[in-house]
Amino acid sequence: MKVLAPLCLCCSALFSFNSLAIDVEATFAELDKDSNGTLSEAEASEDAVLHESFEQIDKDQNGQISLTEFKQFLQ
């Protein structure tokens, strides 16, 4: 019984992390209006923080925010 409690806590934390990852991806997908897998500056303008930080988030300076760049920004 003592072994199960910490195991349950670990599983709970893992599910919470997975839920957070899904929320980030769902948020990205919601912002990605044309569903091309990247956020243009126009799409990012839907969120004031993304719009204001667009150039900083767009690490490769290609004019698009990828899901990876979006996740790195949120960390």
PDB file of N, CA and C in Angstrom:
ATOM      1  N   MET A   1       0.823  -1.191   0.000  1.00  0.00           N
ATOM      2  CA  MET A   1       0.000   0.000   0.000  1.00  0.00           C
ATOM      3  C   MET A   1       0.863   1.249   0.000  1.00  0.00           C
ATOM      4  N   LYS A   2       1.987   1.216   0.731  1.00  0.00           N
ATOM      5  CA  LYS A   2       2.863   2.387   0.768  1.00  0.00           C
ATOM      6  C   LYS A   2       3.514   2.632  -0.587  1.00  0.00           C
ATOM      7  N   VAL A   3       3.700   1.605  -1.367  1.00  0.00           N
ATOM      8  CA  VAL A   3       4.313   1.744  -2.680  1.00  0.00           C
ATOM      9  C   VAL A   3       3.324   2.345  -3.681  1.00  0.00           C
ATOM     10  N   LEU A   4       2.071   2.038  -3.536  1.00  0.00           N
ATOM     11  CA  LEU A   4       1.072   2.507  -4.490  1.00  0.00           C
ATOM     12  C   LEU A   4       0.827   4.010  -4.419  1.00  0.00           C
ATOM     13  N   ALA A   5       0.891   4.587  -3.250  1.00  0.00           N
ATOM     14  CA  ALA A   5       0.617   6.028  -3.118  1.00  0.00           C
ATOM     15  C   ALA A   5       1.585   6.867  -3.952  1.00  0.00           C
ATOM     16  N   PRO A   6       2.921   6.667  -3.810  1.00  0.00           N
ATOM     17  CA  PRO A   6       3.829   7.464  -4.655  1.00  0.00           C
ATOM     18  C   PRO A   6       3.658   7.168  -6.141  1.00  0.00           C
ATOM     19  N   LEU A   7       3.352   5.915  -6.474  1.00  0.00           N
ATOM     20  CA  LEU A   7       3.142   5.549  -7.870  1.00  0.00           C
ATOM     21  C   LEU A   7       1.924   6.278  -8.435  1.00  0.00           C
ATOM     22  N   CYS A   8       0.861   6.357  -7.657  1.00  0.00           N
ATOM     23  CA  CYS A   8      -0.336   7.077  -8.094  1.00  0.00           C
ATOM     24  C   CYS A   8      -0.044   8.557  -8.287  1.00  0.00           C
ATOM     25  N   LEU A   9       0.756   9.133  -7.391  1.00  0.00           N
ATOM     26  CA  LEU A   9       1.123  10.539  -7.530  1.00  0.00           C
ATOM     27  C   LEU A   9       1.921  10.768  -8.799  1.00  0.00           C
ATOM     28  N   CYS A  10       2.838   9.860  -9.109  1.00  0.00           N
ATOM     29  CA  CYS A  10       3.633   9.986 -10.339  1.00  0.00           C
ATOM     30  C   CYS A  10       2.739   9.885 -11.567  1.00  0.00           C
ATOM     31  N   CYS A  11       1.822   8.957 -11.559  1.00  0.00           N
ATOM     32  CA  CYS A  11       0.913   8.800 -12.696  1.00  0.00           C
ATOM     33  C   CYS A  11       0.036  10.032 -12.852  1.00  0.00           C
ATOM     34  N   SER A  12      -0.425  10.558 -11.735  1.00  0.00           N
ATOM     35  CA  SER A  12      -1.247  11.763 -11.777  1.00  0.00           C
ATOM     36  C   SER A  12      -0.473  12.924 -12.386  1.00  0.00           C
ATOM     37  N   ALA A  13       0.791  13.089 -11.985  1.00  0.00           N
ATOM     38  CA  ALA A  13       1.625  14.164 -12.531  1.00  0.00           C
ATOM     39  C   ALA A  13       1.860  13.952 -14.019  1.00  0.00           C
ATOM     40  N   LEU A  14       2.066  12.712 -14.435  1.00  0.00           N
ATOM     41  CA  LEU A  14       2.285  12.405 -15.843  1.00  0.00           C
ATOM     42  C   LEU A  14       1.048  12.758 -16.664  1.00  0.00           C
ATOM     43  N   PHE A  15      -0.130  12.398 -16.176  1.00  0.00           N
ATOM     44  CA  PHE A  15      -1.353  12.726 -16.901  1.00  0.00           C
ATOM     45  C   PHE A  15      -1.558  14.230 -16.961  1.00  0.00           C
ATOM     46  N   SER A  16      -1.216  14.934 -15.904  1.00  0.00           N
ATOM     47  CA  SER A  16      -1.334  16.397 -15.910  1.00  0.00           C
ATOM     48  C   SER A  16      -0.411  16.989 -16.959  1.00  0.00           C
ATOM     49  N   PHE A  17       0.819  16.483 -17.052  1.00  0.00           N
ATOM     50  CA  PHE A  17       1.774  16.970 -18.042  1.00  0.00           C
ATOM     51  C   PHE A  17       1.248  16.715 -19.444  1.00  0.00           C
ATOM     52  N   ASN A  18       0.724  15.509 -19.679  1.00  0.00           N
ATOM     53  CA  ASN A  18       0.173  15.190 -20.999  1.00  0.00           C
ATOM     54  C   ASN A  18      -1.010  16.088 -21.320  1.00  0.00           C
ATOM     55  N   SER A  19      -1.812  16.376 -20.352  1.00  0.00           N
ATOM     56  CA  SER A  19      -2.952  17.270 -20.540  1.00  0.00           C
ATOM     57  C   SER A  19      -2.475  18.660 -20.924  1.00  0.00           C
ATOM     58  N   LEU A  20      -1.418  19.125 -20.270  1.00  0.00           N
ATOM     59  CA  LEU A  20      -0.855  20.431 -20.588  1.00  0.00           C
ATOM     60  C   LEU A  20      -0.316  20.448 -22.010  1.00  0.00           C
ATOM     61  N   ALA A  21       0.371  19.385 -22.410  1.00  0.00           N
ATOM     62  CA  ALA A  21       0.916  19.305 -23.771  1.00  0.00           C
ATOM     63  C   ALA A  21      -0.211  19.348 -24.797  1.00  0.00           C
ATOM     64  N   ILE A  22      -1.299  18.671 -24.515  1.00  0.00           N
ATOM     65  CA  ILE A  22      -2.443  18.672 -25.432  1.00  0.00           C
ATOM     66  C   ILE A  22      -3.049  20.067 -25.501  1.00  0.00           C
ATOM     67  N   ASP A  23      -3.146  20.751 -24.352  1.00  0.00           N
ATOM     68  CA  ASP A  23      -3.695  22.103 -24.337  1.00  0.00           C
ATOM     69  C   ASP A  23      -2.849  23.057 -25.167  1.00  0.00           C
ATOM     70  N   VAL A  24      -1.528  22.939 -25.079  1.00  0.00           N
ATOM     71  CA  VAL A  24      -0.625  23.794 -25.853  1.00  0.00           C
ATOM     72  C   VAL A  24      -0.839  23.535 -27.337  1.00  0.00           C
ATOM     73  N   GLU A  25      -0.905  22.273 -27.711  1.00  0.00           N
ATOM     74  CA  GLU A  25      -1.113  21.935 -29.116  1.00  0.00           C
ATOM     75  C   GLU A  25      -2.500  22.370 -29.597  1.00  0.00           C
ATOM     76  N   ALA A  26      -3.500  22.250 -28.740  1.00  0.00           N
ATOM     77  CA  ALA A  26      -4.850  22.680 -29.109  1.00  0.00           C
ATOM     78  C   ALA A  26      -4.904  24.203 -29.272  1.00  0.00           C
ATOM     79  N   THR A  27      -4.221  24.917 -28.393  1.00  0.00           N
ATOM     80  CA  THR A  27      -4.169  26.374 -28.493  1.00  0.00           C
ATOM     81  C   THR A  27      -3.485  26.791 -29.782  1.00  0.00           C
ATOM     82  N   PHE A  28      -2.362  26.133 -30.098  1.00  0.00           N
ATOM     83  CA  PHE A  28      -1.638  26.416 -31.327  1.00  0.00           C
ATOM     84  C   PHE A  28      -2.544  26.156 -32.535  1.00  0.00           C
ATOM     85  N   ALA A  29      -3.214  25.017 -32.522  1.00  0.00           N
ATOM     86  CA  ALA A  29      -4.099  24.655 -33.639  1.00  0.00           C
ATOM     87  C   ALA A  29      -5.233  25.667 -33.794  1.00  0.00           C
ATOM     88  N   GLU A  30      -5.736  26.168 -32.680  1.00  0.00           N
ATOM     89  CA  GLU A  30      -6.800  27.167 -32.728  1.00  0.00           C
ATOM     90  C   GLU A  30      -6.308  28.476 -33.352  1.00  0.00           C
ATOM     91  N   LEU A  31      -5.081  28.854 -33.032  1.00  0.00           N
ATOM     92  CA  LEU A  31      -4.506  30.076 -33.592  1.00  0.00           C
ATOM     93  C   LEU A  31      -4.126  29.913 -35.063  1.00  0.00           C
ATOM     94  N   ASP A  32      -3.776  28.692 -35.460  1.00  0.00           N
ATOM     95  CA  ASP A  32      -3.334  28.390 -36.826  1.00  0.00           C
ATOM     96  C   ASP A  32      -4.554  28.293 -37.750  1.00  0.00           C
ATOM     97  N   LYS A  33      -5.106  29.435 -38.116  1.00  0.00           N
ATOM     98  CA  LYS A  33      -6.367  29.509 -38.863  1.00  0.00           C
ATOM     99  C   LYS A  33      -6.330  28.790 -40.215  1.00  0.00           C
ATOM    100  N   ASP A  34      -5.167  28.827 -40.893  1.00  0.00           N
ATOM    101  CA  ASP A  34      -5.082  28.166 -42.199  1.00  0.00           C
ATOM    102  C   ASP A  34      -4.567  26.726 -42.104  1.00  0.00           C
ATOM    103  N   SER A  35      -4.352  26.252 -40.888  1.00  0.00           N
ATOM    104  CA  SER A  35      -3.946  24.854 -40.617  1.00  0.00           C
ATOM    105  C   SER A  35      -2.700  24.426 -41.378  1.00  0.00           C
ATOM    106  N   ASN A  36      -1.740  25.345 -41.548  1.00  0.00           N
ATOM    107  CA  ASN A  36      -0.512  24.980 -42.264  1.00  0.00           C
ATOM    108  C   ASN A  36       0.618  24.576 -41.322  1.00  0.00           C
ATOM    109  N   GLY A  37       0.355  24.531 -40.020  1.00  0.00           N
ATOM    110  CA  GLY A  37       1.356  24.070 -39.057  1.00  0.00           C
ATOM    111  C   GLY A  37       2.266  25.165 -38.537  1.00  0.00           C
ATOM    112  N   THR A  38       2.019  26.394 -38.949  1.00  0.00           N
ATOM    113  CA  THR A  38       2.795  27.533 -38.454  1.00  0.00           C
ATOM    114  C   THR A  38       1.842  28.706 -38.206  1.00  0.00           C
ATOM    115  N   LEU A  39       2.325  29.652 -37.396  1.00  0.00           N
ATOM    116  CA  LEU A  39       1.553  30.868 -37.153  1.00  0.00           C
ATOM    117  C   LEU A  39       2.201  32.023 -37.891  1.00  0.00           C
ATOM    118  N   SER A  40       1.436  32.660 -38.744  1.00  0.00           N
ATOM    119  CA  SER A  40       1.914  33.871 -39.415  1.00  0.00           C
ATOM    120  C   SER A  40       1.793  35.029 -38.418  1.00  0.00           C
ATOM    121  N   GLU A  41       2.343  36.159 -38.779  1.00  0.00           N
ATOM    122  CA  GLU A  41       2.221  37.323 -37.899  1.00  0.00           C
ATOM    123  C   GLU A  41       0.752  37.731 -37.763  1.00  0.00           C
ATOM    124  N   ALA A  42      -0.004  37.591 -38.837  1.00  0.00           N
ATOM    125  CA  ALA A  42      -1.433  37.919 -38.786  1.00  0.00           C
ATOM    126  C   ALA A  42      -2.176  36.988 -37.823  1.00  0.00           C
ATOM    127  N   GLU A  43      -1.869  35.692 -37.880  1.00  0.00           N
ATOM    128  CA  GLU A  43      -2.500  34.736 -36.967  1.00  0.00           C
ATOM    129  C   GLU A  43      -2.075  35.008 -35.524  1.00  0.00           C
ATOM    130  N   ALA A  44      -0.808  35.322 -35.331  1.00  0.00           N
ATOM    131  CA  ALA A  44      -0.299  35.608 -33.985  1.00  0.00           C
ATOM    132  C   ALA A  44      -0.911  36.874 -33.411  1.00  0.00           C
ATOM    133  N   SER A  45      -1.362  37.764 -34.274  1.00  0.00           N
ATOM    134  CA  SER A  45      -1.936  39.021 -33.801  1.00  0.00           C
ATOM    135  C   SER A  45      -3.256  38.814 -33.056  1.00  0.00           C
ATOM    136  N   GLU A  46      -3.807  37.589 -33.131  1.00  0.00           N
ATOM    137  CA  GLU A  46      -5.020  37.263 -32.375  1.00  0.00           C
ATOM    138  C   GLU A  46      -4.752  37.288 -30.869  1.00  0.00           C
ATOM    139  N   ASP A  47      -3.479  37.134 -30.497  1.00  0.00           N
ATOM    140  CA  ASP A  47      -3.074  37.154 -29.089  1.00  0.00           C
ATOM    141  C   ASP A  47      -2.074  38.292 -28.905  1.00  0.00           C
ATOM    142  N   ALA A  48      -2.366  39.223 -28.005  1.00  0.00           N
ATOM    143  CA  ALA A  48      -1.531  40.418 -27.824  1.00  0.00           C
ATOM    144  C   ALA A  48      -0.090  40.071 -27.460  1.00  0.00           C
ATOM    145  N   VAL A  49       0.114  39.079 -26.603  1.00  0.00           N
ATOM    146  CA  VAL A  49       1.476  38.709 -26.179  1.00  0.00           C
ATOM    147  C   VAL A  49       2.248  38.106 -27.344  1.00  0.00           C
ATOM    148  N   LEU A  50       1.614  37.222 -28.094  1.00  0.00           N
ATOM    149  CA  LEU A  50       2.280  36.626 -29.269  1.00  0.00           C
ATOM    150  C   LEU A  50       2.623  37.696 -30.291  1.00  0.00           C
ATOM    151  N   HIS A  51       1.692  38.580 -30.528  1.00  0.00           N
ATOM    152  CA  HIS A  51       1.910  39.633 -31.514  1.00  0.00           C
ATOM    153  C   HIS A  51       3.076  40.530 -31.102  1.00  0.00           C
ATOM    154  N   GLU A  52       3.086  40.924 -29.842  1.00  0.00           N
ATOM    155  CA  GLU A  52       4.128  41.807 -29.346  1.00  0.00           C
ATOM    156  C   GLU A  52       5.508  41.138 -29.328  1.00  0.00           C
ATOM    157  N   SER A  53       5.531  39.813 -29.133  1.00  0.00           N
ATOM    158  CA  SER A  53       6.796  39.076 -29.011  1.00  0.00           C
ATOM    159  C   SER A  53       7.141  38.283 -30.262  1.00  0.00           C
ATOM    160  N   PHE A  54       6.442  38.516 -31.360  1.00  0.00           N
ATOM    161  CA  PHE A  54       6.565  37.677 -32.555  1.00  0.00           C
ATOM    162  C   PHE A  54       8.017  37.480 -32.994  1.00  0.00           C
ATOM    163  N   GLU A  55       8.768  38.558 -33.130  1.00  0.00           N
ATOM    164  CA  GLU A  55      10.152  38.446 -33.615  1.00  0.00           C
ATOM    165  C   GLU A  55      11.043  37.666 -32.660  1.00  0.00           C
ATOM    166  N   GLN A  56      10.795  37.762 -31.367  1.00  0.00           N
ATOM    167  CA  GLN A  56      11.578  37.006 -30.384  1.00  0.00           C
ATOM    168  C   GLN A  56      11.226  35.529 -30.414  1.00  0.00           C
ATOM    169  N   ILE A  57       9.955  35.219 -30.636  1.00  0.00           N
ATOM    170  CA  ILE A  57       9.503  33.826 -30.674  1.00  0.00           C
ATOM    171  C   ILE A  57       9.983  33.140 -31.942  1.00  0.00           C
ATOM    172  N   ASP A  58       9.980  33.855 -33.051  1.00  0.00           N
ATOM    173  CA  ASP A  58      10.382  33.326 -34.361  1.00  0.00           C
ATOM    174  C   ASP A  58      11.907  33.224 -34.410  1.00  0.00           C
ATOM    175  N   LYS A  59      12.433  32.199 -33.755  1.00  0.00           N
ATOM    176  CA  LYS A  59      13.889  32.039 -33.594  1.00  0.00           C
ATOM    177  C   LYS A  59      14.638  31.955 -34.920  1.00  0.00           C
ATOM    178  N   ASP A  60      14.064  31.286 -35.920  1.00  0.00           N
ATOM    179  CA  ASP A  60      14.776  31.147 -37.196  1.00  0.00           C
ATOM    180  C   ASP A  60      14.481  32.305 -38.159  1.00  0.00           C
ATOM    181  N   GLN A  61      13.697  33.263 -37.690  1.00  0.00           N
ATOM    182  CA  GLN A  61      13.401  34.481 -38.450  1.00  0.00           C
ATOM    183  C   GLN A  61      12.870  34.206 -39.857  1.00  0.00           C
ATOM    184  N   ASN A  62      11.975  33.209 -39.955  1.00  0.00           N
ATOM    185  CA  ASN A  62      11.394  32.899 -41.262  1.00  0.00           C
ATOM    186  C   ASN A  62       9.995  33.504 -41.435  1.00  0.00           C
ATOM    187  N   GLY A  63       9.587  34.332 -40.468  1.00  0.00           N
ATOM    188  CA  GLY A  63       8.294  34.980 -40.567  1.00  0.00           C
ATOM    189  C   GLY A  63       7.130  34.121 -40.117  1.00  0.00           C
ATOM    190  N   GLN A  64       7.424  32.963 -39.536  1.00  0.00           N
ATOM    191  CA  GLN A  64       6.406  32.033 -39.055  1.00  0.00           C
ATOM    192  C   GLN A  64       6.819  31.508 -37.681  1.00  0.00           C
ATOM    193  N   ILE A  65       5.843  31.231 -36.836  1.00  0.00           N
ATOM    194  CA  ILE A  65       6.119  30.582 -35.556  1.00  0.00           C
ATOM    195  C   ILE A  65       5.711  29.125 -35.680  1.00  0.00           C
ATOM    196  N   SER A  66       6.672  28.238 -35.493  1.00  0.00           N
ATOM    197  CA  SER A  66       6.386  26.803 -35.538  1.00  0.00           C
ATOM    198  C   SER A  66       5.848  26.357 -34.180  1.00  0.00           C
ATOM    199  N   LEU A  67       5.325  25.154 -34.131  1.00  0.00           N
ATOM    200  CA  LEU A  67       4.851  24.598 -32.864  1.00  0.00           C
ATOM    201  C   LEU A  67       6.003  24.496 -31.874  1.00  0.00           C
ATOM    202  N   THR A  68       7.180  24.113 -32.350  1.00  0.00           N
ATOM    203  CA  THR A  68       8.360  24.017 -31.485  1.00  0.00           C
ATOM    204  C   THR A  68       8.710  25.377 -30.898  1.00  0.00           C
ATOM    205  N   GLU A  69       8.725  26.407 -31.720  1.00  0.00           N
ATOM    206  CA  GLU A  69       9.022  27.763 -31.241  1.00  0.00           C
ATOM    207  C   GLU A  69       7.953  28.220 -30.239  1.00  0.00           C
ATOM    208  N   PHE A  70       6.706  27.884 -30.522  1.00  0.00           N
ATOM    209  CA  PHE A  70       5.591  28.236 -29.640  1.00  0.00           C
ATOM    210  C   PHE A  70       5.769  27.569 -28.273  1.00  0.00           C
ATOM    211  N   LYS A  71       6.099  26.265 -28.276  1.00  0.00           N
ATOM    212  CA  LYS A  71       6.300  25.530 -27.020  1.00  0.00           C
ATOM    213  C   LYS A  71       7.487  26.105 -26.248  1.00  0.00           C
ATOM    214  N   GLN A  72       8.590  26.437 -26.934  1.00  0.00           N
ATOM    215  CA  GLN A  72       9.756  27.012 -26.274  1.00  0.00           C
ATOM    216  C   GLN A  72       9.409  28.352 -25.647  1.00  0.00           C
ATOM    217  N   PHE A  73       8.595  29.130 -26.298  1.00  0.00           N
ATOM    218  CA  PHE A  73       8.172  30.422 -25.776  1.00  0.00           C
ATOM    219  C   PHE A  73       7.372  30.257 -24.484  1.00  0.00           C
ATOM    220  N   LEU A  74       6.547  29.222 -24.430  1.00  0.00           N
ATOM    221  CA  LEU A  74       5.691  29.007 -23.261  1.00  0.00           C
ATOM    222  C   LEU A  74       6.410  28.374 -22.075  1.00  0.00           C
ATOM    223  N   GLN A  75       7.613  27.868 -22.277  1.00  0.00           N
ATOM    224  CA  GLN A  75       8.344  27.225 -21.174  1.00  0.00           C
ATOM    225  C   GLN A  75       8.846  28.221 -20.196  1.00  0.00           C
TER     226      GLN A  75
END
